[in-house]
Amino acid sequence: MPIDAAKALSADPRTTELAWDHKDIQLYHLGIGAGAATPEKPHPATDPDELRYTLESALHVLPSFATVAGGGMAVAGGLSAPGIDVDLAAVLHGGQTVTVHRPIPVRGRAVQISTVPAVYDKQKAAVIVLRSEVADDDGPLWTCDTQIFVRGEGGFGGERGPSARLELPDRAPDRTTERLIREDQALLYRLSGDWNPLHADPEFAKLAGFDRPILHGLCSYGVTLKAVVDTVLGGDAARVRSYTTRFAGVVFPGETLRIRIWEGEGRTQVSVTAADRDDAPVLADTVVQHS
C-alpha cells in the first residue's frame, strides 16, 4: 500500500535546518508578482510601498514566504515522510495555513520540526496533513499546516476527516481587485524551491490530466495575500497573524485572478476566481487574520 497511515502518524518528528537571506525573500516576492503593475500601483518599479518587496534596503517579509523558506517545500517534505510513497503526478495541494508568531526576519537561521498529524481517507483519494513548526534562537517563528491531496490513494479504511465549508458573506465584497498571472510566472516561482514538473513540463502536465502546465497553488496563495496586505492592511505585512485557504481549482499562466475581499474586525475573508474562465473557483475558505 503506497500510504501506510499508521506508520506516517507514529513516525518520529523530522528536524531540518533552514536558512535564508534577502535574495530568497526578493526572489519569492518576484515569484508572486512583486514589481508588476496592478490597478492600485501602475508604476510599481518606483512605488515606495512596492519597494518593500523588492529592494533589500527597504525589505519586509510577506508571511506566506514561510511555505518556501530554506528552499524546502512543505509538500515535498510530506511526500518524504515515513509510510508515504506516492506518484507525484497524482499529487495536488489541498489546503494551506500559515500562522506567524512574530514577523519573519529578512535574514534567518531556524530549525523546522515536521510531523504528520493526520491522514484522511476520502475513498477516491487520500489527504495527508503535514505540520511544520519553525523556531530560531529567539523562539517560535511560524507554524505551517499543509494538506496534500493524493488521487487514487484512498480506500484504506481511515477517518474521512473534516469537510465543512466556509460560506461567503451575504453581501457584496468591500473590494474587488485583479492580478494578471504572467506567462512565465510558474517558471519564476519554482526557483523558490518547488521543482514539481507539473508547473513547467507540458508532457508531465498531460500525464497529470492537464493540457498544459498549471500555476503552483502556493503562488496563487502568495499573490492573494500580497493583494490583501496592499489593499486592506496598508502594505504592512507584519499585521498578518494567520492565513488559511483551500485550493479549489487550477490557474493557468496568462490568466487573471479576480480577488474579492470582505473586511471585518481583525479578519478578512477572500474569494479568488479565474476571471478568464467565467470566475471558475481558485481559492476558497480563505481567511486572513490580522491586527
C-alpha atoms as a PDB file:
ATOM      1  CA  MET A   1       0.000   0.000   0.000  1.00  0.00           C
ATOM      2  CA  PRO A   2       1.629   3.313  -1.030  1.00  0.00           C
ATOM      3  CA  ILE A   3       0.278   5.042   2.104  1.00  0.00           C
ATOM      4  CA  ASP A   4       0.741   3.392   5.484  1.00  0.00           C
ATOM      5  CA  ALA A   5      -1.263   5.798   7.637  1.00  0.00           C
ATOM      6  CA  ALA A   6      -0.292   4.183  10.944  1.00  0.00           C
ATOM      7  CA  LYS A   7       3.403   4.371  10.110  1.00  0.00           C
ATOM      8  CA  ALA A   8       3.128   8.002   8.974  1.00  0.00           C
ATOM      9  CA  LEU A   9       1.245   9.072  12.096  1.00  0.00           C
ATOM     10  CA  SER A  10       3.583   7.311  14.521  1.00  0.00           C
ATOM     11  CA  ALA A  11       6.856   8.355  12.872  1.00  0.00           C
ATOM     12  CA  ASP A  12       9.341  10.404  14.867  1.00  0.00           C
ATOM     13  CA  PRO A  13       9.357  14.153  14.090  1.00  0.00           C
ATOM     14  CA  ARG A  14      11.818  15.112  11.367  1.00  0.00           C
ATOM     15  CA  THR A  15      14.180  18.021  12.011  1.00  0.00           C
ATOM     16  CA  THR A  16      15.529  20.273   9.265  1.00  0.00           C
ATOM     17  CA  GLU A  17      17.759  23.320   9.492  1.00  0.00           C
ATOM     18  CA  LEU A  18      16.570  26.320   7.463  1.00  0.00           C
ATOM     19  CA  ALA A  19      18.475  29.402   6.331  1.00  0.00           C
ATOM     20  CA  TRP A  20      17.501  32.348   4.150  1.00  0.00           C
ATOM     21  CA  ASP A  21      18.557  35.892   3.335  1.00  0.00           C
ATOM     22  CA  HIS A  22      17.334  38.910   1.396  1.00  0.00           C
ATOM     23  CA  LYS A  23      17.888  37.239  -2.003  1.00  0.00           C
ATOM     24  CA  ASP A  24      15.475  34.421  -1.102  1.00  0.00           C
ATOM     25  CA  ILE A  25      12.897  36.963   0.060  1.00  0.00           C
ATOM     26  CA  GLN A  26      13.216  39.056  -3.085  1.00  0.00           C
ATOM     27  CA  LEU A  27      13.037  36.022  -5.385  1.00  0.00           C
ATOM     28  CA  TYR A  28       9.906  34.796  -3.633  1.00  0.00           C
ATOM     29  CA  HIS A  29       8.258  38.206  -3.830  1.00  0.00           C
ATOM     30  CA  LEU A  30       9.050  38.447  -7.544  1.00  0.00           C
ATOM     31  CA  GLY A  31       7.641  34.953  -7.984  1.00  0.00           C
ATOM     32  CA  ILE A  32       4.256  36.089  -6.656  1.00  0.00           C
ATOM     33  CA  GLY A  33       4.129  39.229  -8.786  1.00  0.00           C
ATOM     34  CA  ALA A  34       6.005  41.916  -6.868  1.00  0.00           C
ATOM     35  CA  GLY A  35       7.174  44.650  -9.217  1.00  0.00           C
ATOM     36  CA  ALA A  36       4.331  44.035 -11.676  1.00  0.00           C
ATOM     37  CA  ALA A  37       1.756  46.720 -12.411  1.00  0.00           C
ATOM     38  CA  THR A  38      -1.638  46.413 -10.697  1.00  0.00           C
ATOM     39  CA  PRO A  39      -4.763  48.595 -10.727  1.00  0.00           C
ATOM     40  CA  GLU A  40      -3.572  50.144  -7.443  1.00  0.00           C
ATOM     41  CA  LYS A  41       0.099  50.518  -8.486  1.00  0.00           C
ATOM     42  CA  PRO A  42       0.517  51.466 -12.156  1.00  0.00           C
ATOM     43  CA  HIS A  43       4.232  52.299 -11.686  1.00  0.00           C
ATOM     44  CA  PRO A  44       5.468  49.548  -9.339  1.00  0.00           C
ATOM     45  CA  ALA A  45       9.202  49.806 -10.030  1.00  0.00           C
ATOM     46  CA  THR A  46       9.382  53.116  -8.160  1.00  0.00           C
ATOM     47  CA  ASP A  47       6.375  52.838  -5.842  1.00  0.00           C
ATOM     48  CA  PRO A  48       7.704  53.165  -2.248  1.00  0.00           C
ATOM     49  CA  ASP A  49       5.291  50.555  -0.930  1.00  0.00           C
ATOM     50  CA  GLU A  50       6.232  48.095  -3.680  1.00  0.00           C
ATOM     51  CA  LEU A  51       9.937  48.584  -2.974  1.00  0.00           C
ATOM     52  CA  ARG A  52       9.298  46.929   0.400  1.00  0.00           C
ATOM     53  CA  TYR A  53       9.027  43.689  -1.572  1.00  0.00           C
ATOM     54  CA  THR A  54      11.910  44.208  -3.988  1.00  0.00           C
ATOM     55  CA  LEU A  55      14.620  46.484  -2.558  1.00  0.00           C
ATOM     56  CA  GLU A  56      16.972  44.993   0.037  1.00  0.00           C
ATOM     57  CA  SER A  57      17.371  48.233   1.999  1.00  0.00           C
ATOM     58  CA  ALA A  58      13.599  48.550   2.492  1.00  0.00           C
ATOM     59  CA  LEU A  59      12.581  44.874   2.645  1.00  0.00           C
ATOM     60  CA  HIS A  60       9.824  43.327   4.719  1.00  0.00           C
ATOM     61  CA  VAL A  61       8.710  39.692   4.514  1.00  0.00           C
ATOM     62  CA  LEU A  62       5.293  38.510   3.399  1.00  0.00           C
ATOM     63  CA  PRO A  63       4.256  35.738   5.840  1.00  0.00           C
ATOM     64  CA  SER A  64       3.476  33.299   3.016  1.00  0.00           C
ATOM     65  CA  PHE A  65       7.258  33.149   2.479  1.00  0.00           C
ATOM     66  CA  ALA A  66       7.129  30.578   5.283  1.00  0.00           C
ATOM     67  CA  THR A  67       5.965  28.000   2.713  1.00  0.00           C
ATOM     68  CA  VAL A  68       9.293  28.202   0.822  1.00  0.00           C
ATOM     69  CA  ALA A  69      11.796  29.301   3.493  1.00  0.00           C
ATOM     70  CA  GLY A  70      15.064  27.437   3.231  1.00  0.00           C
ATOM     71  CA  GLY A  71      14.251  26.259  -0.282  1.00  0.00           C
ATOM     72  CA  GLY A  72      12.404  23.202   1.013  1.00  0.00           C
ATOM     73  CA  MET A  73       8.744  22.939   0.095  1.00  0.00           C
ATOM     74  CA  ALA A  74       6.319  21.650   2.711  1.00  0.00           C
ATOM     75  CA  VAL A  75       4.637  19.447   0.099  1.00  0.00           C
ATOM     76  CA  ALA A  76       7.948  17.721  -0.721  1.00  0.00           C
ATOM     77  CA  GLY A  77       8.586  17.184   2.976  1.00  0.00           C
ATOM     78  CA  GLY A  78       5.230  15.498   3.361  1.00  0.00           C
ATOM     79  CA  LEU A  79       5.889  13.165   0.463  1.00  0.00           C
ATOM     80  CA  SER A  80       9.167  12.041   2.035  1.00  0.00           C
ATOM     81  CA  ALA A  81       7.582  11.136   5.380  1.00  0.00           C
ATOM     82  CA  PRO A  82       7.773   7.513   6.563  1.00  0.00           C
ATOM     83  CA  GLY A  83       4.828   5.434   5.340  1.00  0.00           C
ATOM     84  CA  ILE A  84       4.174   7.650   2.301  1.00  0.00           C
ATOM     85  CA  ASP A  85       5.220   6.640  -1.215  1.00  0.00           C
ATOM     86  CA  VAL A  86       3.045   8.187  -3.902  1.00  0.00           C
ATOM     87  CA  ASP A  87       3.161   9.157  -7.566  1.00  0.00           C
ATOM     88  CA  LEU A  88       3.992  12.857  -7.960  1.00  0.00           C
ATOM     89  CA  ALA A  89       1.594  13.071 -10.926  1.00  0.00           C
ATOM     90  CA  ALA A  90      -1.272  12.167  -8.560  1.00  0.00           C
ATOM     91  CA  VAL A  91      -0.484  14.895  -6.043  1.00  0.00           C
ATOM     92  CA  LEU A  92      -2.338  18.194  -5.676  1.00  0.00           C
ATOM     93  CA  HIS A  93      -2.123  20.778  -2.915  1.00  0.00           C
ATOM     94  CA  GLY A  94      -5.394  20.646  -0.986  1.00  0.00           C
ATOM     95  CA  GLY A  95      -5.061  23.470   1.524  1.00  0.00           C
ATOM     96  CA  GLN A  96      -2.607  25.646   3.418  1.00  0.00           C
ATOM     97  CA  THR A  97      -2.463  27.543   6.684  1.00  0.00           C
ATOM     98  CA  VAL A  98       0.421  29.710   7.884  1.00  0.00           C
ATOM     99  CA  THR A  99       0.381  31.101  11.427  1.00  0.00           C
ATOM    100  CA  VAL A 100       3.132  33.599  12.206  1.00  0.00           C
ATOM    101  CA  HIS A 101       4.169  34.094  15.820  1.00  0.00           C
ATOM    102  CA  ARG A 102       6.195  37.225  15.050  1.00  0.00           C
ATOM    103  CA  PRO A 103       7.428  38.985  11.887  1.00  0.00           C
ATOM    104  CA  ILE A 104       9.745  36.843   9.766  1.00  0.00           C
ATOM    105  CA  PRO A 105      13.255  38.367   9.645  1.00  0.00           C
ATOM    106  CA  VAL A 106      14.888  39.228   6.329  1.00  0.00           C
ATOM    107  CA  ARG A 107      17.839  37.011   7.246  1.00  0.00           C
ATOM    108  CA  GLY A 108      17.438  33.960   9.414  1.00  0.00           C
ATOM    109  CA  ARG A 109      18.553  30.559  10.562  1.00  0.00           C
ATOM    110  CA  ALA A 110      15.973  28.301  12.165  1.00  0.00           C
ATOM    111  CA  VAL A 111      15.025  24.716  12.931  1.00  0.00           C
ATOM    112  CA  GLN A 112      11.931  23.123  11.395  1.00  0.00           C
ATOM    113  CA  ILE A 113      10.212  20.182  13.113  1.00  0.00           C
ATOM    114  CA  SER A 114       7.843  18.280  10.802  1.00  0.00           C
ATOM    115  CA  THR A 115       5.151  15.767  11.702  1.00  0.00           C
ATOM    116  CA  VAL A 116       2.148  14.134  10.027  1.00  0.00           C
ATOM    117  CA  PRO A 117      -0.746  14.763  12.459  1.00  0.00           C
ATOM    118  CA  ALA A 118      -3.436  13.257  10.206  1.00  0.00           C
ATOM    119  CA  VAL A 119      -4.055  11.100   7.136  1.00  0.00           C
ATOM    120  CA  TYR A 120      -7.629  11.156   5.879  1.00  0.00           C
ATOM    121  CA  ASP A 121      -9.367   8.616   3.662  1.00  0.00           C
ATOM    122  CA  LYS A 122     -11.579  10.298   1.058  1.00  0.00           C
ATOM    123  CA  GLN A 123     -12.227   6.928  -0.646  1.00  0.00           C
ATOM    124  CA  LYS A 124     -11.070   8.034  -4.104  1.00  0.00           C
ATOM    125  CA  ALA A 125      -8.159   9.989  -2.656  1.00  0.00           C
ATOM    126  CA  ALA A 126      -6.068  10.424   0.468  1.00  0.00           C
ATOM    127  CA  VAL A 127      -5.368  13.696   2.254  1.00  0.00           C
ATOM    128  CA  ILE A 128      -2.065  13.936   4.109  1.00  0.00           C
ATOM    129  CA  VAL A 129      -1.759  16.705   6.689  1.00  0.00           C
ATOM    130  CA  LEU A 130       1.793  17.888   7.328  1.00  0.00           C
ATOM    131  CA  ARG A 131       2.647  20.222  10.200  1.00  0.00           C
ATOM    132  CA  SER A 132       5.900  22.201  10.241  1.00  0.00           C
ATOM    133  CA  GLU A 133       6.847  24.202  13.331  1.00  0.00           C
ATOM    134  CA  VAL A 134       9.750  26.601  12.915  1.00  0.00           C
ATOM    135  CA  ALA A 135      11.749  28.386  15.601  1.00  0.00           C
ATOM    136  CA  ASP A 136      15.034  30.271  15.855  1.00  0.00           C
ATOM    137  CA  ASP A 137      17.173  31.216  18.855  1.00  0.00           C
ATOM    138  CA  ASP A 138      14.581  33.806  19.891  1.00  0.00           C
ATOM    139  CA  GLY A 139      11.664  31.353  19.928  1.00  0.00           C
ATOM    140  CA  PRO A 140       8.812  30.249  17.637  1.00  0.00           C
ATOM    141  CA  LEU A 141       8.579  31.922  14.210  1.00  0.00           C
ATOM    142  CA  TRP A 142       5.746  30.208  12.368  1.00  0.00           C
ATOM    143  CA  THR A 143       3.613  27.075  12.041  1.00  0.00           C
ATOM    144  CA  CYS A 144       2.542  25.666   8.665  1.00  0.00           C
ATOM    145  CA  ASP A 145      -0.281  23.151   8.179  1.00  0.00           C
ATOM    146  CA  THR A 146      -0.265  21.708   4.677  1.00  0.00           C
ATOM    147  CA  GLN A 147      -2.936  19.429   3.189  1.00  0.00           C
ATOM    148  CA  ILE A 148      -1.718  17.213   0.357  1.00  0.00           C
ATOM    149  CA  PHE A 149      -4.405  15.615  -1.849  1.00  0.00           C
ATOM    150  CA  VAL A 150      -3.305  12.327  -3.458  1.00  0.00           C
ATOM    151  CA  ARG A 151      -5.653  10.987  -6.127  1.00  0.00           C
ATOM    152  CA  GLY A 152      -6.285   7.254  -6.234  1.00  0.00           C
ATOM    153  CA  GLU A 153      -4.811   6.527  -2.794  1.00  0.00           C
ATOM    154  CA  GLY A 154      -7.958   6.371  -0.666  1.00  0.00           C
ATOM    155  CA  GLY A 155      -9.931   3.359   0.449  1.00  0.00           C
ATOM    156  CA  PHE A 156      -7.541   2.262   3.199  1.00  0.00           C
ATOM    157  CA  GLY A 157     -10.154   2.458   5.944  1.00  0.00           C
ATOM    158  CA  GLY A 158      -9.092   5.671   7.681  1.00  0.00           C
ATOM    159  CA  GLU A 159     -11.153   8.552   9.027  1.00  0.00           C
ATOM    160  CA  ARG A 160     -12.724  10.763   6.369  1.00  0.00           C
ATOM    161  CA  GLY A 161     -11.756  13.976   8.137  1.00  0.00           C
ATOM    162  CA  PRO A 162     -13.435  17.398   8.229  1.00  0.00           C
ATOM    163  CA  SER A 163     -15.449  18.606   5.239  1.00  0.00           C
ATOM    164  CA  ALA A 164     -17.045  21.851   6.451  1.00  0.00           C
ATOM    165  CA  ARG A 165     -17.002  24.760   4.011  1.00  0.00           C
ATOM    166  CA  LEU A 166     -16.897  28.475   4.823  1.00  0.00           C
ATOM    167  CA  GLU A 167     -19.815  30.414   3.381  1.00  0.00           C
ATOM    168  CA  LEU A 168     -19.156  33.774   1.765  1.00  0.00           C
ATOM    169  CA  PRO A 169     -20.785  36.829   3.386  1.00  0.00           C
ATOM    170  CA  ASP A 170     -24.294  37.570   2.165  1.00  0.00           C
ATOM    171  CA  ARG A 171     -23.357  40.963   0.744  1.00  0.00           C
ATOM    172  CA  ALA A 172     -21.257  42.476  -1.997  1.00  0.00           C
ATOM    173  CA  PRO A 173     -17.496  42.407  -1.405  1.00  0.00           C
ATOM    174  CA  ASP A 174     -15.919  45.520   0.080  1.00  0.00           C
ATOM    175  CA  ARG A 175     -13.175  45.395  -2.538  1.00  0.00           C
ATOM    176  CA  THR A 176     -12.520  43.594  -5.793  1.00  0.00           C
ATOM    177  CA  THR A 177      -9.124  43.643  -7.453  1.00  0.00           C
ATOM    178  CA  GLU A 178      -7.454  41.673 -10.232  1.00  0.00           C
ATOM    179  CA  ARG A 179      -3.963  40.257 -10.665  1.00  0.00           C
ATOM    180  CA  LEU A 180      -2.577  39.145 -14.027  1.00  0.00           C
ATOM    181  CA  ILE A 181      -0.541  35.950 -13.854  1.00  0.00           C
ATOM    182  CA  ARG A 182       2.317  36.307 -16.300  1.00  0.00           C
ATOM    183  CA  GLU A 183       3.030  33.554 -18.828  1.00  0.00           C
ATOM    184  CA  ASP A 184       6.380  32.903 -17.123  1.00  0.00           C
ATOM    185  CA  GLN A 185       5.110  33.214 -13.541  1.00  0.00           C
ATOM    186  CA  ALA A 186       5.329  29.494 -12.739  1.00  0.00           C
ATOM    187  CA  LEU A 187       8.868  29.317 -14.170  1.00  0.00           C
ATOM    188  CA  LEU A 188       9.934  32.149 -11.880  1.00  0.00           C
ATOM    189  CA  TYR A 189       8.059  30.913  -8.821  1.00  0.00           C
ATOM    190  CA  ARG A 190       9.536  27.408  -8.996  1.00  0.00           C
ATOM    191  CA  LEU A 191      13.015  28.886  -8.411  1.00  0.00           C
ATOM    192  CA  SER A 192      11.978  29.296  -4.770  1.00  0.00           C
ATOM    193  CA  GLY A 193      12.109  25.510  -4.410  1.00  0.00           C
ATOM    194  CA  ASP A 194       9.029  23.776  -5.836  1.00  0.00           C
ATOM    195  CA  TRP A 195      10.503  21.789  -8.738  1.00  0.00           C
ATOM    196  CA  ASN A 196       7.393  19.722  -9.482  1.00  0.00           C
ATOM    197  CA  PRO A 197       7.462  19.386 -13.322  1.00  0.00           C
ATOM    198  CA  LEU A 198       3.674  19.774 -13.325  1.00  0.00           C
ATOM    199  CA  HIS A 199       4.314  23.522 -13.388  1.00  0.00           C
ATOM    200  CA  ALA A 200       6.846  23.576 -16.252  1.00  0.00           C
ATOM    201  CA  ASP A 201       6.823  20.406 -18.380  1.00  0.00           C
ATOM    202  CA  PRO A 202       3.905  20.082 -20.861  1.00  0.00           C
ATOM    203  CA  GLU A 203       4.358  16.320 -21.179  1.00  0.00           C
ATOM    204  CA  PHE A 204       4.294  15.797 -17.410  1.00  0.00           C
ATOM    205  CA  ALA A 205       1.224  18.056 -17.163  1.00  0.00           C
ATOM    206  CA  LYS A 206      -0.573  15.789 -19.671  1.00  0.00           C
ATOM    207  CA  LEU A 207       0.232  12.740 -17.526  1.00  0.00           C
ATOM    208  CA  ALA A 208      -1.444  14.564 -14.638  1.00  0.00           C
ATOM    209  CA  GLY A 209      -4.541  15.276 -16.754  1.00  0.00           C
ATOM    210  CA  PHE A 210      -3.883  18.895 -17.784  1.00  0.00           C
ATOM    211  CA  ASP A 211      -3.436  20.139 -21.338  1.00  0.00           C
ATOM    212  CA  ARG A 212      -0.595  22.430 -20.236  1.00  0.00           C
ATOM    213  CA  PRO A 213       1.391  23.244 -17.074  1.00  0.00           C
ATOM    214  CA  ILE A 214      -0.568  24.847 -14.251  1.00  0.00           C
ATOM    215  CA  LEU A 215       0.428  27.520 -11.750  1.00  0.00           C
ATOM    216  CA  HIS A 216       1.539  26.431  -8.285  1.00  0.00           C
ATOM    217  CA  GLY A 217      -1.304  26.684  -5.807  1.00  0.00           C
ATOM    218  CA  LEU A 218       1.090  28.343  -3.381  1.00  0.00           C
ATOM    219  CA  CYS A 219       1.846  31.006  -5.981  1.00  0.00           C
ATOM    220  CA  SER A 220      -1.850  31.936  -6.134  1.00  0.00           C
ATOM    221  CA  TYR A 221      -1.779  31.804  -2.321  1.00  0.00           C
ATOM    222  CA  GLY A 222       1.068  34.330  -2.171  1.00  0.00           C
ATOM    223  CA  VAL A 223      -0.421  36.592  -4.858  1.00  0.00           C
ATOM    224  CA  THR A 224      -3.653  36.751  -2.870  1.00  0.00           C
ATOM    225  CA  LEU A 225      -2.025  37.538   0.469  1.00  0.00           C
ATOM    226  CA  LYS A 226       0.011  40.296  -1.132  1.00  0.00           C
ATOM    227  CA  ALA A 227      -3.197  41.777  -2.566  1.00  0.00           C
ATOM    228  CA  VAL A 228      -4.822  41.760   0.880  1.00  0.00           C
ATOM    229  CA  VAL A 229      -1.767  43.301   2.552  1.00  0.00           C
ATOM    230  CA  ASP A 230      -1.556  46.004  -0.111  1.00  0.00           C
ATOM    231  CA  THR A 231      -5.249  46.918  -0.259  1.00  0.00           C
ATOM    232  CA  VAL A 232      -6.530  46.231   3.280  1.00  0.00           C
ATOM    233  CA  LEU A 233      -3.535  46.363   5.632  1.00  0.00           C
ATOM    234  CA  GLY A 234      -1.804  49.484   4.345  1.00  0.00           C
ATOM    235  CA  GLY A 235       1.096  47.489   2.949  1.00  0.00           C
ATOM    236  CA  ASP A 236       2.124  46.316   6.441  1.00  0.00           C
ATOM    237  CA  ALA A 237       2.909  42.584   6.234  1.00  0.00           C
ATOM    238  CA  ALA A 238       3.672  42.487   9.982  1.00  0.00           C
ATOM    239  CA  ARG A 239      -0.050  42.868  10.719  1.00  0.00           C
ATOM    240  CA  VAL A 240      -0.819  39.368   9.397  1.00  0.00           C
ATOM    241  CA  ARG A 241      -1.369  36.769  12.139  1.00  0.00           C
ATOM    242  CA  SER A 242      -2.549  33.779  10.115  1.00  0.00           C
ATOM    243  CA  TYR A 243      -3.635  32.940   6.587  1.00  0.00           C
ATOM    244  CA  THR A 244      -5.602  29.885   5.511  1.00  0.00           C
ATOM    245  CA  THR A 245      -7.065  28.661   2.243  1.00  0.00           C
ATOM    246  CA  ARG A 246      -8.464  25.658   0.398  1.00  0.00           C
ATOM    247  CA  PHE A 247      -7.239  25.168  -3.170  1.00  0.00           C
ATOM    248  CA  ALA A 248     -10.473  24.863  -5.130  1.00  0.00           C
ATOM    249  CA  GLY A 249      -9.256  24.915  -8.736  1.00  0.00           C
ATOM    250  CA  VAL A 250      -6.310  25.394 -11.046  1.00  0.00           C
ATOM    251  CA  VAL A 251      -4.829  28.509 -12.620  1.00  0.00           C
ATOM    252  CA  PHE A 252      -3.024  28.582 -15.950  1.00  0.00           C
ATOM    253  CA  PRO A 253      -0.212  31.074 -16.533  1.00  0.00           C
ATOM    254  CA  GLY A 254      -1.511  34.016 -18.558  1.00  0.00           C
ATOM    255  CA  GLU A 255      -4.866  34.114 -16.752  1.00  0.00           C
ATOM    256  CA  THR A 256      -6.169  36.834 -14.435  1.00  0.00           C
ATOM    257  CA  LEU A 257      -7.104  36.241 -10.810  1.00  0.00           C
ATOM    258  CA  ARG A 258     -10.193  38.072  -9.578  1.00  0.00           C
ATOM    259  CA  ILE A 259      -9.856  38.663  -5.834  1.00  0.00           C
ATOM    260  CA  ARG A 260     -12.996  39.576  -3.870  1.00  0.00           C
ATOM    261  CA  ILE A 261     -12.449  40.855  -0.332  1.00  0.00           C
ATOM    262  CA  TRP A 262     -14.803  41.166   2.654  1.00  0.00           C
ATOM    263  CA  GLU A 263     -13.337  43.160   5.531  1.00  0.00           C
ATOM    264  CA  GLY A 264     -14.034  42.598   9.220  1.00  0.00           C
ATOM    265  CA  GLU A 265     -12.545  43.450  12.588  1.00  0.00           C
ATOM    266  CA  GLY A 266      -9.244  41.600  12.638  1.00  0.00           C
ATOM    267  CA  ARG A 267     -10.448  39.244   9.935  1.00  0.00           C
ATOM    268  CA  THR A 268     -10.573  39.486   6.153  1.00  0.00           C
ATOM    269  CA  GLN A 269     -12.358  36.860   4.066  1.00  0.00           C
ATOM    270  CA  VAL A 270     -11.383  36.342   0.438  1.00  0.00           C
ATOM    271  CA  SER A 271     -12.669  34.559  -2.655  1.00  0.00           C
ATOM    272  CA  VAL A 272     -10.382  34.035  -5.665  1.00  0.00           C
ATOM    273  CA  THR A 273     -11.576  33.031  -9.127  1.00  0.00           C
ATOM    274  CA  ALA A 274     -10.215  32.793 -12.655  1.00  0.00           C
ATOM    275  CA  ALA A 275     -11.671  35.824 -14.412  1.00  0.00           C
ATOM    276  CA  ASP A 276     -10.924  34.372 -17.861  1.00  0.00           C
ATOM    277  CA  ARG A 277     -12.953  31.186 -17.209  1.00  0.00           C
ATOM    278  CA  ASP A 278     -16.280  32.585 -16.002  1.00  0.00           C
ATOM    279  CA  ASP A 279     -14.999  33.007 -12.453  1.00  0.00           C
ATOM    280  CA  ALA A 280     -14.032  29.357 -12.002  1.00  0.00           C
ATOM    281  CA  PRO A 281     -13.055  28.818  -8.343  1.00  0.00           C
ATOM    282  CA  VAL A 282      -9.349  29.053  -7.461  1.00  0.00           C
ATOM    283  CA  LEU A 283      -9.116  29.677  -3.698  1.00  0.00           C
ATOM    284  CA  ALA A 284     -11.996  29.062  -1.290  1.00  0.00           C
ATOM    285  CA  ASP A 285     -12.472  29.089   2.501  1.00  0.00           C
ATOM    286  CA  THR A 286      -9.814  31.814   2.561  1.00  0.00           C
ATOM    287  CA  VAL A 287      -9.274  33.973   5.659  1.00  0.00           C
ATOM    288  CA  VAL A 288      -6.532  36.393   6.748  1.00  0.00           C
ATOM    289  CA  GLN A 289      -6.431  37.076  10.492  1.00  0.00           C
ATOM    290  CA  HIS A 290      -4.665  40.333  11.311  1.00  0.00           C
ATOM    291  CA  SER A 291      -4.154  43.089  13.825  1.00  0.00           C
END
